[in-house]
Amino acid sequence: MYNPDTELLFPARVIPTLRDERGKSWSNLVDKAADKEIDDPDQMAFVLMMIRLNGCTTCHADSFRAMRGCTACSSQNVRRFRGPEKELNQMYKKAHGDVDTHLKKLEKKKNKAK
């Protein structure tokens, strides 16, 4: 079954739809990420956090998650997350650190190649 809302990994276009799924802290985090361009580390970190939260790497075309679509899957996972918002913020900070580390490695490789 094909669902036009299903992509390989969490799509950044879904970020704004998650704004009202939790409290104020979550809304602020969503606003921060949604207002950025796709190549901004803040948005990359949010996308990475959501990939981890949703389990996007294990989703495949004939799975129930894929049939529902990325928007519904993400919304449900954020709502059903059992930890406090503080834990979601920590997950975001961890993802941001991972993105920063990766970008620094890419920059080093780029500088070495010159």
PDB file of N, CA and C in Angstrom:
ATOM      1  N   MET A   1       0.849  -1.182   0.000  1.00  0.00           N
ATOM      2  CA  MET A   1       0.000   0.000   0.000  1.00  0.00           C
ATOM      3  C   MET A   1       0.892   1.242   0.000  1.00  0.00           C
ATOM      4  N   TYR A   2       0.597   2.186  -0.844  1.00  0.00           N
ATOM      5  CA  TYR A   2       1.396   3.400  -0.960  1.00  0.00           C
ATOM      6  C   TYR A   2       0.736   4.540  -0.194  1.00  0.00           C
ATOM      7  N   ASN A   3       1.521   5.223   0.609  1.00  0.00           N
ATOM      8  CA  ASN A   3       1.041   6.391   1.342  1.00  0.00           C
ATOM      9  C   ASN A   3       1.964   7.551   0.984  1.00  0.00           C
ATOM     10  N   PRO A   4       1.448   8.611   0.382  1.00  0.00           N
ATOM     11  CA  PRO A   4       2.308   9.734  -0.024  1.00  0.00           C
ATOM     12  C   PRO A   4       2.951  10.472   1.154  1.00  0.00           C
ATOM     13  N   ASP A   5       2.524  10.175   2.371  1.00  0.00           N
ATOM     14  CA  ASP A   5       3.105  10.816   3.555  1.00  0.00           C
ATOM     15  C   ASP A   5       4.278  10.011   4.117  1.00  0.00           C
ATOM     16  N   THR A   6       4.625   8.903   3.474  1.00  0.00           N
ATOM     17  CA  THR A   6       5.685   8.030   3.969  1.00  0.00           C
ATOM     18  C   THR A   6       6.981   8.279   3.209  1.00  0.00           C
ATOM     19  N   GLU A   7       8.059   8.476   3.972  1.00  0.00           N
ATOM     20  CA  GLU A   7       9.388   8.668   3.392  1.00  0.00           C
ATOM     21  C   GLU A   7      10.353   7.704   4.062  1.00  0.00           C
ATOM     22  N   LEU A   8      11.594   7.661   3.591  1.00  0.00           N
ATOM     23  CA  LEU A   8      12.576   6.728   4.148  1.00  0.00           C
ATOM     24  C   LEU A   8      12.933   7.047   5.590  1.00  0.00           C
ATOM     25  N   LEU A   9      13.115   8.319   5.896  1.00  0.00           N
ATOM     26  CA  LEU A   9      13.443   8.781   7.238  1.00  0.00           C
ATOM     27  C   LEU A   9      12.530   9.945   7.589  1.00  0.00           C
ATOM     28  N   PHE A  10      12.530  10.327   8.847  1.00  0.00           N
ATOM     29  CA  PHE A  10      11.665  11.421   9.300  1.00  0.00           C
ATOM     30  C   PHE A  10      11.853  12.665   8.430  1.00  0.00           C
ATOM     31  N   PRO A  11      10.787  13.140   7.795  1.00  0.00           N
ATOM     32  CA  PRO A  11      10.893  14.328   6.942  1.00  0.00           C
ATOM     33  C   PRO A  11      10.726  15.628   7.745  1.00  0.00           C
ATOM     34  N   ALA A  12      11.578  16.591   7.461  1.00  0.00           N
ATOM     35  CA  ALA A  12      11.545  17.877   8.174  1.00  0.00           C
ATOM     36  C   ALA A  12      10.205  18.593   8.005  1.00  0.00           C
ATOM     37  N   ARG A  13       9.488  18.313   6.940  1.00  0.00           N
ATOM     38  CA  ARG A  13       8.196  18.975   6.709  1.00  0.00           C
ATOM     39  C   ARG A  13       7.175  18.636   7.797  1.00  0.00           C
ATOM     40  N   VAL A  14       7.410  17.574   8.548  1.00  0.00           N
ATOM     41  CA  VAL A  14       6.483  17.139   9.600  1.00  0.00           C
ATOM     42  C   VAL A  14       6.700  17.916  10.899  1.00  0.00           C
ATOM     43  N   ILE A  15       7.859  18.537  11.059  1.00  0.00           N
ATOM     44  CA  ILE A  15       8.204  19.194  12.328  1.00  0.00           C
ATOM     45  C   ILE A  15       7.094  20.116  12.847  1.00  0.00           C
ATOM     46  N   PRO A  16       6.581  21.056  12.049  1.00  0.00           N
ATOM     47  CA  PRO A  16       5.562  21.977  12.591  1.00  0.00           C
ATOM     48  C   PRO A  16       4.285  21.281  13.080  1.00  0.00           C
ATOM     49  N   THR A  17       3.975  20.116  12.527  1.00  0.00           N
ATOM     50  CA  THR A  17       2.748  19.417  12.931  1.00  0.00           C
ATOM     51  C   THR A  17       2.842  18.834  14.336  1.00  0.00           C
ATOM     52  N   LEU A  18       4.041  18.790  14.888  1.00  0.00           N
ATOM     53  CA  LEU A  18       4.253  18.193  16.212  1.00  0.00           C
ATOM     54  C   LEU A  18       4.165  19.204  17.347  1.00  0.00           C
ATOM     55  N   ARG A  19       3.966  20.452  17.026  1.00  0.00           N
ATOM     56  CA  ARG A  19       4.039  21.546  17.991  1.00  0.00           C
ATOM     57  C   ARG A  19       3.134  21.359  19.211  1.00  0.00           C
ATOM     58  N   ASP A  20       1.932  20.936  19.011  1.00  0.00           N
ATOM     59  CA  ASP A  20       0.959  20.875  20.109  1.00  0.00           C
ATOM     60  C   ASP A  20       0.825  19.492  20.750  1.00  0.00           C
ATOM     61  N   GLU A  21       1.774  18.613  20.493  1.00  0.00           N
ATOM     62  CA  GLU A  21       1.689  17.249  21.022  1.00  0.00           C
ATOM     63  C   GLU A  21       2.122  17.129  22.482  1.00  0.00           C
ATOM     64  N   ARG A  22       2.869  18.107  22.989  1.00  0.00           N
ATOM     65  CA  ARG A  22       3.336  18.083  24.378  1.00  0.00           C
ATOM     66  C   ARG A  22       3.142  19.474  24.968  1.00  0.00           C
ATOM     67  N   GLY A  23       3.936  19.824  25.958  1.00  0.00           N
ATOM     68  CA  GLY A  23       3.803  21.101  26.648  1.00  0.00           C
ATOM     69  C   GLY A  23       4.631  22.220  26.043  1.00  0.00           C
ATOM     70  N   LYS A  24       4.827  23.257  26.831  1.00  0.00           N
ATOM     71  CA  LYS A  24       5.496  24.490  26.396  1.00  0.00           C
ATOM     72  C   LYS A  24       6.944  24.251  25.963  1.00  0.00           C
ATOM     73  N   SER A  25       7.679  23.483  26.740  1.00  0.00           N
ATOM     74  CA  SER A  25       9.078  23.206  26.419  1.00  0.00           C
ATOM     75  C   SER A  25       9.197  22.523  25.057  1.00  0.00           C
ATOM     76  N   TRP A  26       8.321  21.565  24.810  1.00  0.00           N
ATOM     77  CA  TRP A  26       8.308  20.865  23.525  1.00  0.00           C
ATOM     78  C   TRP A  26       7.940  21.826  22.395  1.00  0.00           C
ATOM     79  N   SER A  27       6.928  22.644  22.606  1.00  0.00           N
ATOM     80  CA  SER A  27       6.515  23.618  21.584  1.00  0.00           C
ATOM     81  C   SER A  27       7.665  24.543  21.216  1.00  0.00           C
ATOM     82  N   ASN A  28       8.411  24.990  22.222  1.00  0.00           N
ATOM     83  CA  ASN A  28       9.563  25.861  21.962  1.00  0.00           C
ATOM     84  C   ASN A  28      10.621  25.147  21.130  1.00  0.00           C
ATOM     85  N   LEU A  29      10.860  23.884  21.438  1.00  0.00           N
ATOM     86  CA  LEU A  29      11.837  23.103  20.684  1.00  0.00           C
ATOM     87  C   LEU A  29      11.391  22.928  19.237  1.00  0.00           C
ATOM     88  N   VAL A  30      10.126  22.618  19.039  1.00  0.00           N
ATOM     89  CA  VAL A  30       9.583  22.467  17.686  1.00  0.00           C
ATOM     90  C   VAL A  30       9.695  23.782  16.921  1.00  0.00           C
ATOM     91  N   ASP A  31       9.321  24.884  17.553  1.00  0.00           N
ATOM     92  CA  ASP A  31       9.414  26.193  16.897  1.00  0.00           C
ATOM     93  C   ASP A  31      10.847  26.512  16.491  1.00  0.00           C
ATOM     94  N   LYS A  32      11.777  26.203  17.370  1.00  0.00           N
ATOM     95  CA  LYS A  32      13.195  26.461  17.095  1.00  0.00           C
ATOM     96  C   LYS A  32      13.654  25.690  15.857  1.00  0.00           C
ATOM     97  N   ALA A  33      13.273  24.426  15.759  1.00  0.00           N
ATOM     98  CA  ALA A  33      13.691  23.596  14.632  1.00  0.00           C
ATOM     99  C   ALA A  33      12.921  23.921  13.359  1.00  0.00           C
ATOM    100  N   ALA A  34      11.643  24.207  13.490  1.00  0.00           N
ATOM    101  CA  ALA A  34      10.806  24.442  12.311  1.00  0.00           C
ATOM    102  C   ALA A  34      11.182  25.721  11.575  1.00  0.00           C
ATOM    103  N   ASP A  35      11.722  26.685  12.293  1.00  0.00           N
ATOM    104  CA  ASP A  35      12.060  27.973  11.686  1.00  0.00           C
ATOM    105  C   ASP A  35      13.394  27.966  10.954  1.00  0.00           C
ATOM    106  N   LYS A  36      14.088  26.838  10.955  1.00  0.00           N
ATOM    107  CA  LYS A  36      15.419  26.765  10.353  1.00  0.00           C
ATOM    108  C   LYS A  36      15.363  26.122   8.970  1.00  0.00           C
ATOM    109  N   GLU A  37      16.458  26.310   8.242  1.00  0.00           N
ATOM    110  CA  GLU A  37      16.614  25.642   6.950  1.00  0.00           C
ATOM    111  C   GLU A  37      17.057  24.201   7.201  1.00  0.00           C
ATOM    112  N   ILE A  38      16.896  23.350   6.213  1.00  0.00           N
ATOM    113  CA  ILE A  38      17.206  21.931   6.362  1.00  0.00           C
ATOM    114  C   ILE A  38      18.682  21.679   6.663  1.00  0.00           C
ATOM    115  N   ASP A  39      19.566  22.578   6.244  1.00  0.00           N
ATOM    116  CA  ASP A  39      20.996  22.365   6.490  1.00  0.00           C
ATOM    117  C   ASP A  39      21.476  23.018   7.784  1.00  0.00           C
ATOM    118  N   ASP A  40      20.569  23.543   8.571  1.00  0.00           N
ATOM    119  CA  ASP A  40      20.921  24.136   9.862  1.00  0.00           C
ATOM    120  C   ASP A  40      21.080  23.026  10.907  1.00  0.00           C
ATOM    121  N   PRO A  41      22.137  23.069  11.711  1.00  0.00           N
ATOM    122  CA  PRO A  41      22.352  22.024  12.722  1.00  0.00           C
ATOM    123  C   PRO A  41      21.184  21.845  13.700  1.00  0.00           C
ATOM    124  N   ASP A  42      20.449  22.901  14.001  1.00  0.00           N
ATOM    125  CA  ASP A  42      19.295  22.772  14.902  1.00  0.00           C
ATOM    126  C   ASP A  42      18.228  21.870  14.288  1.00  0.00           C
ATOM    127  N   GLN A  43      17.961  22.068  12.997  1.00  0.00           N
ATOM    128  CA  GLN A  43      16.954  21.238  12.348  1.00  0.00           C
ATOM    129  C   GLN A  43      17.478  19.821  12.116  1.00  0.00           C
ATOM    130  N   MET A  44      18.749  19.710  11.763  1.00  0.00           N
ATOM    131  CA  MET A  44      19.338  18.376  11.594  1.00  0.00           C
ATOM    132  C   MET A  44      19.243  17.581  12.890  1.00  0.00           C
ATOM    133  N   ALA A  45      19.522  18.235  14.009  1.00  0.00           N
ATOM    134  CA  ALA A  45      19.466  17.563  15.310  1.00  0.00           C
ATOM    135  C   ALA A  45      18.039  17.120  15.632  1.00  0.00           C
ATOM    136  N   PHE A  46      17.064  17.951  15.324  1.00  0.00           N
ATOM    137  CA  PHE A  46      15.671  17.587  15.582  1.00  0.00           C
ATOM    138  C   PHE A  46      15.282  16.381  14.730  1.00  0.00           C
ATOM    139  N   VAL A  47      15.669  16.413  13.466  1.00  0.00           N
ATOM    140  CA  VAL A  47      15.364  15.297  12.570  1.00  0.00           C
ATOM    141  C   VAL A  47      16.020  14.014  13.087  1.00  0.00           C
ATOM    142  N   LEU A  48      17.288  14.088  13.490  1.00  0.00           N
ATOM    143  CA  LEU A  48      17.981  12.913  14.021  1.00  0.00           C
ATOM    144  C   LEU A  48      17.298  12.396  15.284  1.00  0.00           C
ATOM    145  N   MET A  49      16.905  13.298  16.166  1.00  0.00           N
ATOM    146  CA  MET A  49      16.204  12.898  17.384  1.00  0.00           C
ATOM    147  C   MET A  49      14.912  12.152  17.034  1.00  0.00           C
ATOM    148  N   MET A  50      14.169  12.676  16.077  1.00  0.00           N
ATOM    149  CA  MET A  50      12.906  12.044  15.692  1.00  0.00           C
ATOM    150  C   MET A  50      13.137  10.705  14.998  1.00  0.00           C
ATOM    151  N   ILE A  51      14.203  10.589  14.215  1.00  0.00           N
ATOM    152  CA  ILE A  51      14.534   9.304  13.584  1.00  0.00           C
ATOM    153  C   ILE A  51      14.761   8.256  14.666  1.00  0.00           C
ATOM    154  N   ARG A  52      15.474   8.648  15.702  1.00  0.00           N
ATOM    155  CA  ARG A  52      15.743   7.728  16.813  1.00  0.00           C
ATOM    156  C   ARG A  52      14.467   7.414  17.600  1.00  0.00           C
ATOM    157  N   LEU A  53      13.677   8.425  17.887  1.00  0.00           N
ATOM    158  CA  LEU A  53      12.447   8.238  18.663  1.00  0.00           C
ATOM    159  C   LEU A  53      11.444   7.359  17.914  1.00  0.00           C
ATOM    160  N   ASN A  54      11.316   7.600  16.619  1.00  0.00           N
ATOM    161  CA  ASN A  54      10.340   6.879  15.802  1.00  0.00           C
ATOM    162  C   ASN A  54      10.820   5.498  15.364  1.00  0.00           C
ATOM    163  N   GLY A  55      12.125   5.279  15.399  1.00  0.00           N
ATOM    164  CA  GLY A  55      12.661   4.020  14.882  1.00  0.00           C
ATOM    165  C   GLY A  55      12.589   3.961  13.370  1.00  0.00           C
ATOM    166  N   CYS A  56      12.833   5.087  12.717  1.00  0.00           N
ATOM    167  CA  CYS A  56      12.701   5.178  11.259  1.00  0.00           C
ATOM    168  C   CYS A  56      13.592   4.190  10.504  1.00  0.00           C
ATOM    169  N   THR A  57      14.743   3.846  11.070  1.00  0.00           N
ATOM    170  CA  THR A  57      15.661   2.961  10.348  1.00  0.00           C
ATOM    171  C   THR A  57      15.137   1.534  10.239  1.00  0.00           C
ATOM    172  N   THR A  58      14.150   1.178  11.049  1.00  0.00           N
ATOM    173  CA  THR A  58      13.572  -0.166  10.957  1.00  0.00           C
ATOM    174  C   THR A  58      12.205  -0.168  10.274  1.00  0.00           C
ATOM    175  N   CYS A  59      11.769   0.967   9.812  1.00  0.00           N
ATOM    176  CA  CYS A  59      10.486   1.070   9.108  1.00  0.00           C
ATOM    177  C   CYS A  59      10.695   0.644   7.650  1.00  0.00           C
ATOM    178  N   HIS A  60       9.741  -0.071   7.102  1.00  0.00           N
ATOM    179  CA  HIS A  60       9.824  -0.460   5.697  1.00  0.00           C
ATOM    180  C   HIS A  60       8.451  -0.351   5.052  1.00  0.00           C
ATOM    181  N   ALA A  61       8.427  -0.402   3.741  1.00  0.00           N
ATOM    182  CA  ALA A  61       7.236  -0.061   2.963  1.00  0.00           C
ATOM    183  C   ALA A  61       5.968  -0.800   3.377  1.00  0.00           C
ATOM    184  N   ASP A  62       6.078  -2.047   3.787  1.00  0.00           N
ATOM    185  CA  ASP A  62       4.859  -2.788   4.119  1.00  0.00           C
ATOM    186  C   ASP A  62       4.589  -2.861   5.624  1.00  0.00           C
ATOM    187  N   SER A  63       5.265  -2.017   6.394  1.00  0.00           N
ATOM    188  CA  SER A  63       5.024  -2.001   7.841  1.00  0.00           C
ATOM    189  C   SER A  63       3.796  -1.151   8.166  1.00  0.00           C
ATOM    190  N   PHE A  64       3.236  -1.414   9.328  1.00  0.00           N
ATOM    191  CA  PHE A  64       2.070  -0.646   9.770  1.00  0.00           C
ATOM    192  C   PHE A  64       2.410   0.833   9.876  1.00  0.00           C
ATOM    193  N   ARG A  65       3.621   1.134  10.389  1.00  0.00           N
ATOM    194  CA  ARG A  65       4.043   2.534  10.519  1.00  0.00           C
ATOM    195  C   ARG A  65       4.046   3.228   9.164  1.00  0.00           C
ATOM    196  N   ALA A  66       4.596   2.569   8.164  1.00  0.00           N
ATOM    197  CA  ALA A  66       4.674   3.173   6.832  1.00  0.00           C
ATOM    198  C   ALA A  66       3.285   3.368   6.234  1.00  0.00           C
ATOM    199  N   MET A  67       2.408   2.434   6.483  1.00  0.00           N
ATOM    200  CA  MET A  67       1.049   2.553   5.951  1.00  0.00           C
ATOM    201  C   MET A  67       0.312   3.745   6.554  1.00  0.00           C
ATOM    202  N   ARG A  68       0.617   4.070   7.802  1.00  0.00           N
ATOM    203  CA  ARG A  68      -0.019   5.216   8.464  1.00  0.00           C
ATOM    204  C   ARG A  68       0.582   6.531   7.998  1.00  0.00           C
ATOM    205  N   GLY A  69       1.870   6.527   7.684  1.00  0.00           N
ATOM    206  CA  GLY A  69       2.542   7.748   7.239  1.00  0.00           C
ATOM    207  C   GLY A  69       3.394   8.358   8.336  1.00  0.00           C
ATOM    208  N   CYS A  70       4.351   9.159   7.921  1.00  0.00           N
ATOM    209  CA  CYS A  70       5.320   9.761   8.848  1.00  0.00           C
ATOM    210  C   CYS A  70       4.667  10.736   9.830  1.00  0.00           C
ATOM    211  N   THR A  71       3.696  11.496   9.377  1.00  0.00           N
ATOM    212  CA  THR A  71       3.061  12.482  10.248  1.00  0.00           C
ATOM    213  C   THR A  71       2.334  11.792  11.402  1.00  0.00           C
ATOM    214  N   ALA A  72       1.519  10.800  11.086  1.00  0.00           N
ATOM    215  CA  ALA A  72       0.766  10.083  12.124  1.00  0.00           C
ATOM    216  C   ALA A  72       1.698   9.309  13.051  1.00  0.00           C
ATOM    217  N   CYS A  73       2.712   8.675  12.490  1.00  0.00           N
ATOM    218  CA  CYS A  73       3.668   7.906  13.292  1.00  0.00           C
ATOM    219  C   CYS A  73       4.396   8.820  14.279  1.00  0.00           C
ATOM    220  N   SER A  74       4.892   9.937  13.785  1.00  0.00           N
ATOM    221  CA  SER A  74       5.642  10.873  14.628  1.00  0.00           C
ATOM    222  C   SER A  74       4.767  11.469  15.715  1.00  0.00           C
ATOM    223  N   SER A  75       3.577  11.862  15.337  1.00  0.00           N
ATOM    224  CA  SER A  75       2.644  12.445  16.296  1.00  0.00           C
ATOM    225  C   SER A  75       2.344  11.455  17.421  1.00  0.00           C
ATOM    226  N   GLN A  76       2.083  10.223  17.055  1.00  0.00           N
ATOM    227  CA  GLN A  76       1.778   9.201  18.055  1.00  0.00           C
ATOM    228  C   GLN A  76       2.980   8.934  18.962  1.00  0.00           C
ATOM    229  N   ASN A  77       4.171   8.867  18.394  1.00  0.00           N
ATOM    230  CA  ASN A  77       5.360   8.589  19.202  1.00  0.00           C
ATOM    231  C   ASN A  77       5.671   9.714  20.179  1.00  0.00           C
ATOM    232  N   VAL A  78       5.474  10.941  19.771  1.00  0.00           N
ATOM    233  CA  VAL A  78       5.714  12.070  20.676  1.00  0.00           C
ATOM    234  C   VAL A  78       4.670  12.070  21.793  1.00  0.00           C
ATOM    235  N   ARG A  79       3.418  11.855  21.440  1.00  0.00           N
ATOM    236  CA  ARG A  79       2.350  11.822  22.450  1.00  0.00           C
ATOM    237  C   ARG A  79       2.543  10.681  23.446  1.00  0.00           C
ATOM    238  N   ARG A  80       2.936   9.533  22.954  1.00  0.00           N
ATOM    239  CA  ARG A  80       3.045   8.345  23.806  1.00  0.00           C
ATOM    240  C   ARG A  80       4.386   8.221  24.524  1.00  0.00           C
ATOM    241  N   PHE A  81       5.303   9.128  24.259  1.00  0.00           N
ATOM    242  CA  PHE A  81       6.597   9.072  24.933  1.00  0.00           C
ATOM    243  C   PHE A  81       6.362   9.161  26.435  1.00  0.00           C
ATOM    244  N   ARG A  82       6.865   8.213  27.184  1.00  0.00           N
ATOM    245  CA  ARG A  82       6.544   8.119  28.612  1.00  0.00           C
ATOM    246  C   ARG A  82       7.378   9.031  29.492  1.00  0.00           C
ATOM    247  N   GLY A  83       8.514   9.465  28.987  1.00  0.00           N
ATOM    248  CA  GLY A  83       9.370  10.325  29.789  1.00  0.00           C
ATOM    249  C   GLY A  83       8.854  11.755  29.817  1.00  0.00           C
ATOM    250  N   PRO A  84       9.426  12.555  30.702  1.00  0.00           N
ATOM    251  CA  PRO A  84       9.047  13.973  30.756  1.00  0.00           C
ATOM    252  C   PRO A  84       9.647  14.739  29.578  1.00  0.00           C
ATOM    253  N   GLU A  85       9.159  15.940  29.358  1.00  0.00           N
ATOM    254  CA  GLU A  85       9.686  16.770  28.274  1.00  0.00           C
ATOM    255  C   GLU A  85      11.174  17.026  28.436  1.00  0.00           C
ATOM    256  N   LYS A  86      11.611  17.073  29.673  1.00  0.00           N
ATOM    257  CA  LYS A  86      13.034  17.274  29.948  1.00  0.00           C
ATOM    258  C   LYS A  86      13.865  16.185  29.261  1.00  0.00           C
ATOM    259  N   GLU A  87      13.349  14.976  29.268  1.00  0.00           N
ATOM    260  CA  GLU A  87      14.058  13.867  28.624  1.00  0.00           C
ATOM    261  C   GLU A  87      14.091  14.045  27.103  1.00  0.00           C
ATOM    262  N   LEU A  88      13.014  14.541  26.530  1.00  0.00           N
ATOM    263  CA  LEU A  88      13.011  14.836  25.091  1.00  0.00           C
ATOM    264  C   LEU A  88      14.040  15.918  24.769  1.00  0.00           C
ATOM    265  N   ASN A  89      14.130  16.924  25.630  1.00  0.00           N
ATOM    266  CA  ASN A  89      15.135  17.976  25.432  1.00  0.00           C
ATOM    267  C   ASN A  89      16.549  17.407  25.529  1.00  0.00           C
ATOM    268  N   GLN A  90      16.761  16.461  26.431  1.00  0.00           N
ATOM    269  CA  GLN A  90      18.069  15.816  26.545  1.00  0.00           C
ATOM    270  C   GLN A  90      18.380  14.990  25.297  1.00  0.00           C
ATOM    271  N   MET A  91      17.365  14.332  24.760  1.00  0.00           N
ATOM    272  CA  MET A  91      17.555  13.575  23.524  1.00  0.00           C
ATOM    273  C   MET A  91      17.937  14.516  22.380  1.00  0.00           C
ATOM    274  N   TYR A  92      17.307  15.685  22.354  1.00  0.00           N
ATOM    275  CA  TYR A  92      17.631  16.680  21.331  1.00  0.00           C
ATOM    276  C   TYR A  92      19.078  17.155  21.496  1.00  0.00           C
ATOM    277  N   LYS A  93      19.482  17.439  22.731  1.00  0.00           N
ATOM    278  CA  LYS A  93      20.857  17.902  22.976  1.00  0.00           C
ATOM    279  C   LYS A  93      21.870  16.841  22.572  1.00  0.00           C
ATOM    280  N   LYS A  94      21.567  15.581  22.849  1.00  0.00           N
ATOM    281  CA  LYS A  94      22.449  14.479  22.445  1.00  0.00           C
ATOM    282  C   LYS A  94      22.549  14.429  20.927  1.00  0.00           C
ATOM    283  N   ALA A  95      21.417  14.524  20.249  1.00  0.00           N
ATOM    284  CA  ALA A  95      21.412  14.510  18.784  1.00  0.00           C
ATOM    285  C   ALA A  95      22.185  15.706  18.239  1.00  0.00           C
ATOM    286  N   HIS A  96      22.042  16.864  18.891  1.00  0.00           N
ATOM    287  CA  HIS A  96      22.755  18.065  18.444  1.00  0.00           C
ATOM    288  C   HIS A  96      24.262  17.858  18.585  1.00  0.00           C
ATOM    289  N   GLY A  97      24.677  17.258  19.678  1.00  0.00           N
ATOM    290  CA  GLY A  97      26.090  16.954  19.867  1.00  0.00           C
ATOM    291  C   GLY A  97      26.607  16.007  18.794  1.00  0.00           C
ATOM    292  N   ASP A  98      25.805  15.006  18.446  1.00  0.00           N
ATOM    293  CA  ASP A  98      26.190  14.062  17.398  1.00  0.00           C
ATOM    294  C   ASP A  98      26.290  14.751  16.040  1.00  0.00           C
ATOM    295  N   VAL A  99      25.355  15.635  15.749  1.00  0.00           N
ATOM    296  CA  VAL A  99      25.392  16.393  14.493  1.00  0.00           C
ATOM    297  C   VAL A  99      26.625  17.285  14.458  1.00  0.00           C
ATOM    298  N   ASP A 100      26.887  17.993  15.543  1.00  0.00           N
ATOM    299  CA  ASP A 100      28.061  18.877  15.605  1.00  0.00           C
ATOM    300  C   ASP A 100      29.353  18.092  15.393  1.00  0.00           C
ATOM    301  N   THR A 101      29.463  16.935  16.041  1.00  0.00           N
ATOM    302  CA  THR A 101      30.655  16.093  15.889  1.00  0.00           C
ATOM    303  C   THR A 101      30.830  15.662  14.439  1.00  0.00           C
ATOM    304  N   HIS A 102      29.746  15.240  13.820  1.00  0.00           N
ATOM    305  CA  HIS A 102      29.809  14.804  12.421  1.00  0.00           C
ATOM    306  C   HIS A 102      30.190  15.961  11.496  1.00  0.00           C
ATOM    307  N   LEU A 103      29.610  17.118  11.719  1.00  0.00           N
ATOM    308  CA  LEU A 103      29.928  18.273  10.873  1.00  0.00           C
ATOM    309  C   LEU A 103      31.391  18.689  11.026  1.00  0.00           C
ATOM    310  N   LYS A 104      31.922  18.593  12.231  1.00  0.00           N
ATOM    311  CA  LYS A 104      33.339  18.916  12.453  1.00  0.00           C
ATOM    312  C   LYS A 104      34.238  17.932  11.716  1.00  0.00           C
ATOM    313  N   LYS A 105      33.877  16.650  11.736  1.00  0.00           N
ATOM    314  CA  LYS A 105      34.648  15.643  11.004  1.00  0.00           C
ATOM    315  C   LYS A 105      34.622  15.925   9.508  1.00  0.00           C
ATOM    316  N   LEU A 106      33.469  16.283   8.995  1.00  0.00           N
ATOM    317  CA  LEU A 106      33.360  16.619   7.573  1.00  0.00           C
ATOM    318  C   LEU A 106      34.216  17.825   7.225  1.00  0.00           C
ATOM    319  N   GLU A 107      34.218  18.807   8.097  1.00  0.00           N
ATOM    320  CA  GLU A 107      35.018  20.014   7.874  1.00  0.00           C
ATOM    321  C   GLU A 107      36.506  19.684   7.870  1.00  0.00           C
ATOM    322  N   LYS A 108      36.937  18.812   8.781  1.00  0.00           N
ATOM    323  CA  LYS A 108      38.345  18.397   8.820  1.00  0.00           C
ATOM    324  C   LYS A 108      38.740  17.691   7.529  1.00  0.00           C
ATOM    325  N   LYS A 109      37.884  16.780   7.064  1.00  0.00           N
ATOM    326  CA  LYS A 109      38.155  16.071   5.812  1.00  0.00           C
ATOM    327  C   LYS A 109      38.244  17.045   4.649  1.00  0.00           C
ATOM    328  N   LYS A 110      37.346  17.995   4.645  1.00  0.00           N
ATOM    329  CA  LYS A 110      37.313  18.994   3.578  1.00  0.00           C
ATOM    330  C   LYS A 110      38.605  19.810   3.586  1.00  0.00           C
ATOM    331  N   ASN A 111      39.060  20.210   4.761  1.00  0.00           N
ATOM    332  CA  ASN A 111      40.287  21.003   4.881  1.00  0.00           C
ATOM    333  C   ASN A 111      41.523  20.187   4.519  1.00  0.00           C
ATOM    334  N   LYS A 112      41.539  18.898   4.840  1.00  0.00           N
ATOM    335  CA  LYS A 112      42.663  18.030   4.484  1.00  0.00           C
ATOM    336  C   LYS A 112      42.771  17.858   2.974  1.00  0.00           C
ATOM    337  N   ALA A 113      41.630  17.793   2.318  1.00  0.00           N
ATOM    338  CA  ALA A 113      41.602  17.574   0.872  1.00  0.00           C
ATOM    339  C   ALA A 113      42.124  18.775   0.098  1.00  0.00           C
ATOM    340  N   LYS A 114      42.155  19.926   0.729  1.00  0.00           N
ATOM    341  CA  LYS A 114      42.596  21.144   0.037  1.00  0.00           C
ATOM    342  C   LYS A 114      44.059  21.203  -0.102  1.00  0.00           C
TER     343      LYS A 114
END
